[in-house]
Amino acid sequence: MQPQYVGILLNDSTYRGIPNGKTGTESMENYQEAAEMYGLIPCFFRIQDLSLETCTAAGYIRTTSGYSLTELPIPRVIHNRAIYRDKQAHQLIDRLLSWGIFIYNSSTRYGKDTVHLMLAEDPVIRPALPQTVPANTASIRSMLEQHGDLILKPCRGSVGLGIMRLRRDKFHDHFTYSRSSPSAKGWRTVRLSRGNLPLLLRKRIRALPFLAQQRIPLAEYAGRPYDIRVTVQRGLRGVWEVSGMFAKTSPPRTFVSNIAQGGSAYPVREIFCRSLPGMPPDLLIERTAHFAIQTARSLSKHMPYAADFGMDVAVTSEGLLYFIEANGRDQRYGFREAGMEEVWKETYRKPMGFARYLLDSGIWPAY
């Protein structure tokens, strides 16, 4: 019997690190173990390693002596872990899809404005969306007057880069921002006259599309606001399932909980028990999981071939849930940071199980 390969499509930086084991937050070992569970051999390659003329892929396959470059027929199933911004890459992926190649997560980057509009069409999810509008000077002033606390985020930013906060008290406005990257190293808060939008904010919203979003008053743990990262994936059964969730707290003096920006990760049950003592933690976990699955199903109606989301869900001190954002390329390592090693590995098993599902069924599942 011929071996069944599953392709893992990577960006250049991760791919280059495979021979010496320096692949950043991606675990090649987890892919290997997960693929073997389902009788699969992972092959790691980039978009430029695919040839439509010869229908082959040149990628790394693990051997007894380490990873070796090998040429093989383009796998029938490919798990995309790359981000592509150029038109040619997307055209190549579309061509492969038209040939019947399953490329799940064929696109891993969607604008936050696009995602918000998709979910706003769903009457079940709509009440859980913070009010969100395109950012301009007029909309920011109006939203600040209405809500008193705003998050300003680039439509296509990631890991919290470029995000700002504008809040109002009785006498002043307060602007929190960072000039550095990662942002956690350079946060500042300045006091402003009410209605006086700072030059930096105005420059940023002129240079790039931004959203102005109502800030949800998050529940707090040890004096720090937190939100919940929920990994929702398709697995061996082809349906959306929650692989796991953890809480992300903001560093001191900031409002951004991203792990890449200095946030801390904790098992969610522990956080719920300590921060929301009047609410049964298991019920909160069940509600959060149900909400994340509903959101994934809603988004997948608009996103062909989606199979993997990292959902950020806000929880208030009253236990209300709100959607913050959905990441099409969940970084996963937050589970390891939270000491949840087995769940971290499960986030690799689910995509390999889904590859097995696609190979065996030959059809894409319903929403």
Protein backbone atom coordinates (compact mmCIF):
# COMPACT_ATOMS: atom_id res chain seq x y z
CA MET A 1 0.00 0.00 0.00
CA GLN A 2 1.26 3.45 -0.92
CA PRO A 3 1.84 5.78 2.04
CA GLN A 4 -0.81 8.46 2.50
CA TYR A 5 0.70 11.88 2.84
CA VAL A 6 -0.77 14.97 4.44
CA GLY A 7 0.75 18.25 3.32
CA ILE A 8 1.57 20.95 5.87
CA LEU A 9 1.86 24.31 4.13
CA LEU A 10 4.23 26.65 6.00
CA ASN A 11 5.63 30.16 5.70
CA ASP A 12 9.29 30.57 4.77
CA SER A 13 10.59 31.31 8.27
CA THR A 14 9.13 28.16 9.81
CA TYR A 15 10.14 26.02 6.84
CA ARG A 16 13.77 27.19 6.96
CA GLY A 17 14.03 26.15 10.61
CA ILE A 18 12.99 22.52 10.06
CA PRO A 19 16.49 21.00 9.48
CA ASN A 20 17.89 22.44 12.75
CA GLY A 21 14.69 22.17 14.78
CA LYS A 22 14.11 25.92 15.07
CA THR A 23 10.49 26.30 13.96
CA GLY A 24 9.30 28.90 16.45
CA THR A 25 5.86 28.21 17.88
CA GLU A 26 5.13 25.35 15.46
CA SER A 27 5.93 21.85 16.77
CA MET A 28 7.04 19.44 14.06
CA GLU A 29 7.11 16.66 16.65
CA ASN A 30 3.45 17.22 17.49
CA TYR A 31 2.57 17.02 13.79
CA GLN A 32 4.53 13.78 13.46
CA GLU A 33 2.89 12.13 16.46
CA ALA A 34 -0.60 13.29 15.47
CA ALA A 35 -0.23 12.19 11.83
CA GLU A 36 1.04 8.75 12.84
CA MET A 37 -2.09 8.25 14.96
CA TYR A 38 -4.12 8.39 11.76
CA GLY A 39 -1.77 6.45 9.49
CA LEU A 40 -0.44 9.56 7.76
CA ILE A 41 2.99 10.88 6.84
CA PRO A 42 3.36 14.66 7.11
CA CYS A 43 5.23 16.49 4.38
CA PHE A 44 6.22 20.10 5.12
CA PHE A 45 6.50 22.55 2.22
CA ARG A 46 5.91 26.13 1.06
CA ILE A 47 3.67 27.46 -1.68
CA GLN A 48 6.65 27.89 -4.02
CA ASP A 49 7.51 24.20 -3.59
CA LEU A 50 4.34 23.17 -5.44
CA SER A 51 4.52 22.60 -9.20
CA LEU A 52 1.30 22.61 -11.20
CA GLU A 53 3.21 21.48 -14.31
CA THR A 54 4.48 18.25 -12.77
CA CYS A 55 1.78 17.98 -10.04
CA THR A 56 4.53 17.47 -7.45
CA ALA A 57 5.57 18.97 -4.15
CA ALA A 58 9.12 19.20 -2.83
CA GLY A 59 9.13 19.15 0.96
CA TYR A 60 10.65 17.85 4.15
CA ILE A 61 9.78 14.35 5.34
CA ARG A 62 11.24 12.89 8.51
CA THR A 63 13.55 9.91 8.09
CA THR A 64 15.66 7.92 10.55
CA SER A 65 18.49 10.40 10.02
CA GLY A 66 16.43 13.60 10.31
CA TYR A 67 14.37 15.62 7.86
CA SER A 68 15.09 15.03 4.19
CA LEU A 69 13.94 16.98 1.13
CA THR A 70 11.73 14.72 -0.99
CA GLU A 71 9.70 15.17 -4.15
CA LEU A 72 6.28 13.51 -4.18
CA PRO A 73 2.88 13.91 -5.86
CA ILE A 74 0.92 16.83 -4.43
CA PRO A 75 -0.94 15.37 -1.42
CA ARG A 76 -4.72 15.06 -1.76
CA VAL A 77 -5.10 16.82 1.59
CA ILE A 78 -3.14 19.91 2.71
CA HIS A 79 -3.33 21.68 6.07
CA ASN A 80 -2.49 25.36 5.51
CA ARG A 81 -0.50 27.02 8.29
CA ALA A 82 0.82 29.89 6.18
CA ILE A 83 -0.34 33.46 5.59
CA TYR A 84 -0.26 34.72 2.02
CA ARG A 85 -0.93 38.27 0.91
CA ASP A 86 0.03 38.02 -2.77
CA LYS A 87 -2.54 37.33 -5.44
CA GLN A 88 -0.47 34.61 -7.15
CA ALA A 89 -0.42 32.40 -4.06
CA HIS A 90 -4.19 32.58 -3.70
CA GLN A 91 -4.63 31.84 -7.40
CA LEU A 92 -2.46 28.72 -7.06
CA ILE A 93 -4.47 27.56 -4.05
CA ASP A 94 -7.74 28.15 -5.93
CA ARG A 95 -6.39 26.12 -8.85
CA LEU A 96 -5.55 23.19 -6.59
CA LEU A 97 -8.99 23.36 -4.98
CA SER A 98 -10.56 23.22 -8.44
CA TRP A 99 -8.57 20.02 -9.07
CA GLY A 100 -10.15 18.40 -6.04
CA ILE A 101 -7.22 18.89 -3.67
CA PHE A 102 -8.52 19.58 -0.14
CA ILE A 103 -6.69 22.59 1.29
CA TYR A 104 -8.27 23.29 4.63
CA ASN A 105 -7.82 26.77 6.01
CA SER A 106 -7.09 27.77 2.40
CA SER A 107 -7.14 31.35 3.66
CA THR A 108 -5.89 32.03 7.19
CA ARG A 109 -6.29 35.80 7.34
CA TYR A 110 -9.55 37.72 7.28
CA GLY A 111 -9.98 41.39 8.13
CA LYS A 112 -11.59 42.09 11.50
CA ASP A 113 -14.12 44.30 9.73
CA THR A 114 -15.01 41.45 7.36
CA VAL A 115 -15.44 38.98 10.22
CA HIS A 116 -17.65 41.42 12.14
CA LEU A 117 -19.91 41.94 9.12
CA MET A 118 -20.18 38.16 8.59
CA LEU A 119 -21.25 37.56 12.17
CA ALA A 120 -23.61 40.54 12.21
CA GLU A 121 -25.74 38.63 9.69
CA ASP A 122 -26.34 35.89 12.27
CA PRO A 123 -29.26 36.82 14.57
CA VAL A 124 -27.99 34.40 17.24
CA ILE A 125 -24.46 35.85 17.36
CA ARG A 126 -25.35 39.51 16.71
CA PRO A 127 -26.28 40.37 20.34
CA ALA A 128 -22.83 39.18 21.46
CA LEU A 129 -20.94 41.59 19.16
CA PRO A 130 -19.51 44.79 20.64
CA GLN A 131 -20.61 47.82 18.64
CA THR A 132 -17.97 48.23 15.93
CA VAL A 133 -17.61 50.86 13.20
CA PRO A 134 -14.89 51.95 10.74
CA ALA A 135 -12.62 54.39 12.57
CA ASN A 136 -12.50 58.01 11.55
CA THR A 137 -12.40 61.17 13.66
CA ALA A 138 -16.19 61.60 13.60
CA SER A 139 -17.00 57.95 14.42
CA ILE A 140 -14.41 57.85 17.23
CA ARG A 141 -15.83 60.96 18.89
CA SER A 142 -19.37 59.63 18.55
CA MET A 143 -18.48 56.18 19.90
CA LEU A 144 -16.53 57.68 22.81
CA GLU A 145 -19.49 59.87 23.71
CA GLN A 146 -21.77 56.83 23.59
CA HIS A 147 -19.63 54.20 25.35
CA GLY A 148 -16.90 56.04 27.21
CA ASP A 149 -14.30 53.34 26.50
CA LEU A 150 -13.06 52.26 23.06
CA ILE A 151 -10.59 49.84 21.53
CA LEU A 152 -9.05 51.01 18.24
CA LYS A 153 -7.61 48.13 16.25
CA PRO A 154 -6.18 47.76 12.73
CA CYS A 155 -8.50 45.75 10.50
CA ARG A 156 -5.66 43.41 9.54
CA GLY A 157 -3.39 43.55 12.56
CA SER A 158 -2.26 40.48 14.48
CA VAL A 159 -1.04 39.55 17.99
CA GLY A 160 -2.22 42.91 19.30
CA LEU A 161 0.16 45.09 17.27
CA GLY A 162 -1.05 48.64 16.63
CA ILE A 163 -4.01 48.39 19.01
CA MET A 164 -4.95 51.50 21.06
CA ARG A 165 -7.44 52.41 23.77
CA LEU A 166 -9.34 55.65 24.31
CA ARG A 167 -11.43 56.09 27.45
CA ARG A 168 -13.26 58.97 29.09
CA ASP A 169 -13.76 59.94 32.71
CA LYS A 170 -15.64 62.88 34.18
CA PHE A 171 -13.07 65.49 33.21
CA HIS A 172 -10.60 64.03 30.68
CA ASP A 173 -9.95 61.49 27.96
CA HIS A 174 -7.11 58.97 28.34
CA PHE A 175 -5.18 57.54 25.38
CA THR A 176 -3.18 54.30 25.78
CA TYR A 177 -0.82 53.28 22.99
CA SER A 178 2.58 51.84 22.18
CA ARG A 179 5.16 52.88 19.62
CA SER A 180 7.26 49.71 19.95
CA SER A 181 6.96 46.14 18.69
CA PRO A 182 6.19 44.02 20.58
CA SER A 183 3.87 46.57 22.11
CA ALA A 184 4.20 45.22 25.66
CA LYS A 185 7.60 46.94 25.98
CA GLY A 186 6.43 50.47 25.28
CA TRP A 187 2.94 51.23 26.59
CA ARG A 188 2.09 54.79 27.56
CA THR A 189 -1.10 56.46 28.75
CA VAL A 190 -1.55 60.20 28.26
CA ARG A 191 -4.31 62.46 29.55
CA LEU A 192 -6.14 64.60 27.01
CA SER A 193 -8.70 67.35 26.93
CA ARG A 194 -12.09 65.79 26.22
CA GLY A 195 -12.67 65.34 22.49
CA ASN A 196 -9.05 66.12 21.59
CA LEU A 197 -7.88 63.21 19.43
CA PRO A 198 -4.07 62.84 19.58
CA LEU A 199 -1.93 63.23 16.48
CA LEU A 200 -0.59 59.65 16.66
CA LEU A 201 -4.12 58.23 16.59
CA ARG A 202 -5.12 60.42 13.66
CA LYS A 203 -1.98 59.46 11.74
CA ARG A 204 -2.60 55.75 12.27
CA ILE A 205 -6.22 55.76 11.16
CA ARG A 206 -5.27 57.75 8.04
CA ALA A 207 -2.47 55.33 7.14
CA LEU A 208 -4.41 52.07 7.61
CA PRO A 209 -8.03 50.96 7.99
CA PHE A 210 -8.92 50.80 11.69
CA LEU A 211 -12.00 49.82 13.64
CA ALA A 212 -13.44 51.68 16.61
CA GLN A 213 -14.99 49.14 18.94
CA GLN A 214 -16.89 49.40 22.19
CA ARG A 215 -14.67 48.02 24.96
CA ILE A 216 -16.40 45.27 26.89
CA PRO A 217 -15.80 45.54 30.68
CA LEU A 218 -13.89 42.30 31.18
CA ALA A 219 -13.91 40.19 34.30
CA GLU A 220 -10.64 40.45 36.23
CA TYR A 221 -8.26 38.02 37.87
CA ALA A 222 -5.78 39.38 40.44
CA GLY A 223 -6.65 42.89 39.28
CA ARG A 224 -5.98 42.14 35.61
CA PRO A 225 -8.65 41.89 32.90
CA TYR A 226 -8.77 38.63 30.97
CA ASP A 227 -10.44 37.03 27.99
CA ILE A 228 -10.70 33.41 26.87
CA ARG A 229 -8.93 31.83 23.90
CA VAL A 230 -11.01 28.93 22.60
CA THR A 231 -9.51 26.64 19.96
CA VAL A 232 -12.31 25.33 17.72
CA GLN A 233 -11.35 22.76 15.08
CA ARG A 234 -12.73 20.11 12.78
CA GLY A 235 -11.42 16.65 13.64
CA LEU A 236 -11.93 13.00 12.75
CA ARG A 237 -15.74 13.35 12.61
CA GLY A 238 -15.56 16.43 10.37
CA VAL A 239 -17.62 18.58 12.72
CA TRP A 240 -16.64 21.64 14.76
CA GLU A 241 -15.33 20.72 18.22
CA VAL A 242 -13.62 22.60 21.02
CA SER A 243 -10.09 21.27 21.48
CA GLY A 244 -9.49 23.39 24.58
CA MET A 245 -9.55 26.87 26.10
CA PHE A 246 -7.38 28.97 28.37
CA ALA A 247 -7.59 32.41 29.96
CA LYS A 248 -5.29 35.27 28.91
CA THR A 249 -4.60 38.09 31.36
CA SER A 250 -3.21 41.48 30.46
CA PRO A 251 0.22 42.57 31.70
CA PRO A 252 0.32 45.38 34.29
CA ARG A 253 -0.63 48.86 32.98
CA THR A 254 -1.90 47.51 29.66
CA PHE A 255 -5.17 46.25 28.23
CA VAL A 256 -3.90 43.75 25.62
CA SER A 257 -3.95 40.09 26.65
CA ASN A 258 -2.08 38.56 23.70
CA ILE A 259 0.62 36.12 24.85
CA ALA A 260 2.98 37.64 22.26
CA GLN A 261 2.49 41.02 23.97
CA GLY A 262 3.39 39.80 27.44
CA GLY A 263 0.02 38.39 28.51
CA SER A 264 -0.13 35.35 30.80
CA ALA A 265 -1.99 32.09 30.15
CA TYR A 266 -3.90 30.08 32.77
CA PRO A 267 -6.23 27.07 32.81
CA VAL A 268 -9.69 28.55 32.43
CA ARG A 269 -11.38 26.60 35.23
CA GLU A 270 -8.94 28.02 37.78
CA ILE A 271 -9.60 31.56 36.58
CA PHE A 272 -13.39 31.16 36.61
CA CYS A 273 -13.30 29.71 40.14
CA ARG A 274 -11.24 32.62 41.48
CA SER A 275 -12.69 35.53 39.53
CA LEU A 276 -16.39 34.58 39.32
CA PRO A 277 -16.98 32.69 42.57
CA GLY A 278 -20.77 32.92 42.43
CA MET A 279 -20.98 31.10 39.10
CA PRO A 280 -20.47 27.35 38.51
CA PRO A 281 -17.21 27.11 36.50
CA ASP A 282 -18.28 24.00 34.60
CA LEU A 283 -21.43 25.77 33.40
CA LEU A 284 -19.38 28.78 32.27
CA ILE A 285 -16.98 26.50 30.40
CA GLU A 286 -19.89 24.71 28.72
CA ARG A 287 -21.52 28.02 27.72
CA THR A 288 -18.21 29.36 26.36
CA ALA A 289 -17.61 26.21 24.33
CA HIS A 290 -21.15 26.27 22.91
CA PHE A 291 -20.78 29.95 21.99
CA ALA A 292 -17.44 29.34 20.23
CA ILE A 293 -18.86 26.43 18.21
CA GLN A 294 -21.89 28.51 17.20
CA THR A 295 -19.53 31.27 16.05
CA ALA A 296 -17.34 28.84 14.07
CA ARG A 297 -20.39 27.40 12.31
CA SER A 298 -21.60 30.88 11.46
CA LEU A 299 -18.23 31.95 10.06
CA SER A 300 -17.76 28.75 8.08
CA LYS A 301 -20.84 29.63 6.01
CA HIS A 302 -18.82 32.55 4.65
CA MET A 303 -15.33 31.03 4.74
CA PRO A 304 -14.97 28.05 2.42
CA TYR A 305 -12.60 25.36 3.72
CA ALA A 306 -12.23 26.82 7.22
CA ALA A 307 -11.31 24.13 9.74
CA ASP A 308 -9.43 25.86 12.54
CA PHE A 309 -10.21 28.99 14.60
CA GLY A 310 -8.66 30.55 17.66
CA MET A 311 -11.65 32.42 19.15
CA ASP A 312 -11.15 35.23 21.63
CA VAL A 313 -14.21 35.48 23.86
CA ALA A 314 -14.85 38.23 26.42
CA VAL A 315 -16.41 37.36 29.78
CA THR A 316 -17.91 40.08 31.98
CA SER A 317 -18.15 40.01 35.77
CA GLU A 318 -21.82 39.06 35.27
CA GLY A 319 -20.82 36.04 33.18
CA LEU A 320 -21.99 37.50 29.87
CA LEU A 321 -20.10 36.38 26.74
CA TYR A 322 -19.01 38.59 23.84
CA PHE A 323 -17.11 37.85 20.64
CA ILE A 324 -13.79 39.68 20.35
CA GLU A 325 -12.12 38.17 17.28
CA ALA A 326 -11.37 34.95 15.40
CA ASN A 327 -7.88 33.95 14.32
CA GLY A 328 -7.62 31.75 11.24
CA ARG A 329 -4.14 30.60 12.25
CA ASP A 330 -4.35 29.81 15.95
CA GLN A 331 -0.87 29.93 17.48
CA ARG A 332 -1.73 27.09 19.96
CA TYR A 333 1.34 27.55 22.17
CA GLY A 334 -0.75 29.36 24.79
CA PHE A 335 -1.85 25.94 26.02
CA ARG A 336 1.75 25.02 26.66
CA GLU A 337 2.27 28.35 28.46
CA ALA A 338 -0.75 27.51 30.64
CA GLY A 339 0.74 24.12 31.53
CA MET A 340 -1.87 22.29 29.42
CA GLU A 341 0.53 20.05 27.51
CA GLU A 342 -2.02 17.40 26.53
CA VAL A 343 -4.48 19.99 25.18
CA TRP A 344 -1.61 21.62 23.25
CA LYS A 345 -0.99 18.27 21.55
CA GLU A 346 -4.71 17.84 20.92
CA THR A 347 -4.70 21.04 18.84
CA TYR A 348 -2.35 19.19 16.46
CA ARG A 349 -4.29 15.90 16.57
CA LYS A 350 -7.57 17.46 15.48
CA PRO A 351 -6.25 18.79 12.12
CA MET A 352 -4.58 15.46 11.38
CA GLY A 353 -7.81 13.66 12.26
CA PHE A 354 -9.60 15.96 9.85
CA ALA A 355 -7.10 15.04 7.14
CA ARG A 356 -8.02 11.40 7.76
CA TYR A 357 -11.72 12.30 7.52
CA LEU A 358 -11.22 14.04 4.16
CA LEU A 359 -9.14 11.21 2.72
CA ASP A 360 -11.69 8.61 3.76
CA SER A 361 -14.89 10.49 2.89
CA GLY A 362 -13.70 12.45 -0.14
CA ILE A 363 -16.19 15.26 0.61
CA TRP A 364 -16.14 18.52 2.50
CA PRO A 365 -18.45 18.41 5.56
CA ALA A 366 -21.52 20.60 6.08
CA TYR A 367 -21.32 23.69 8.24
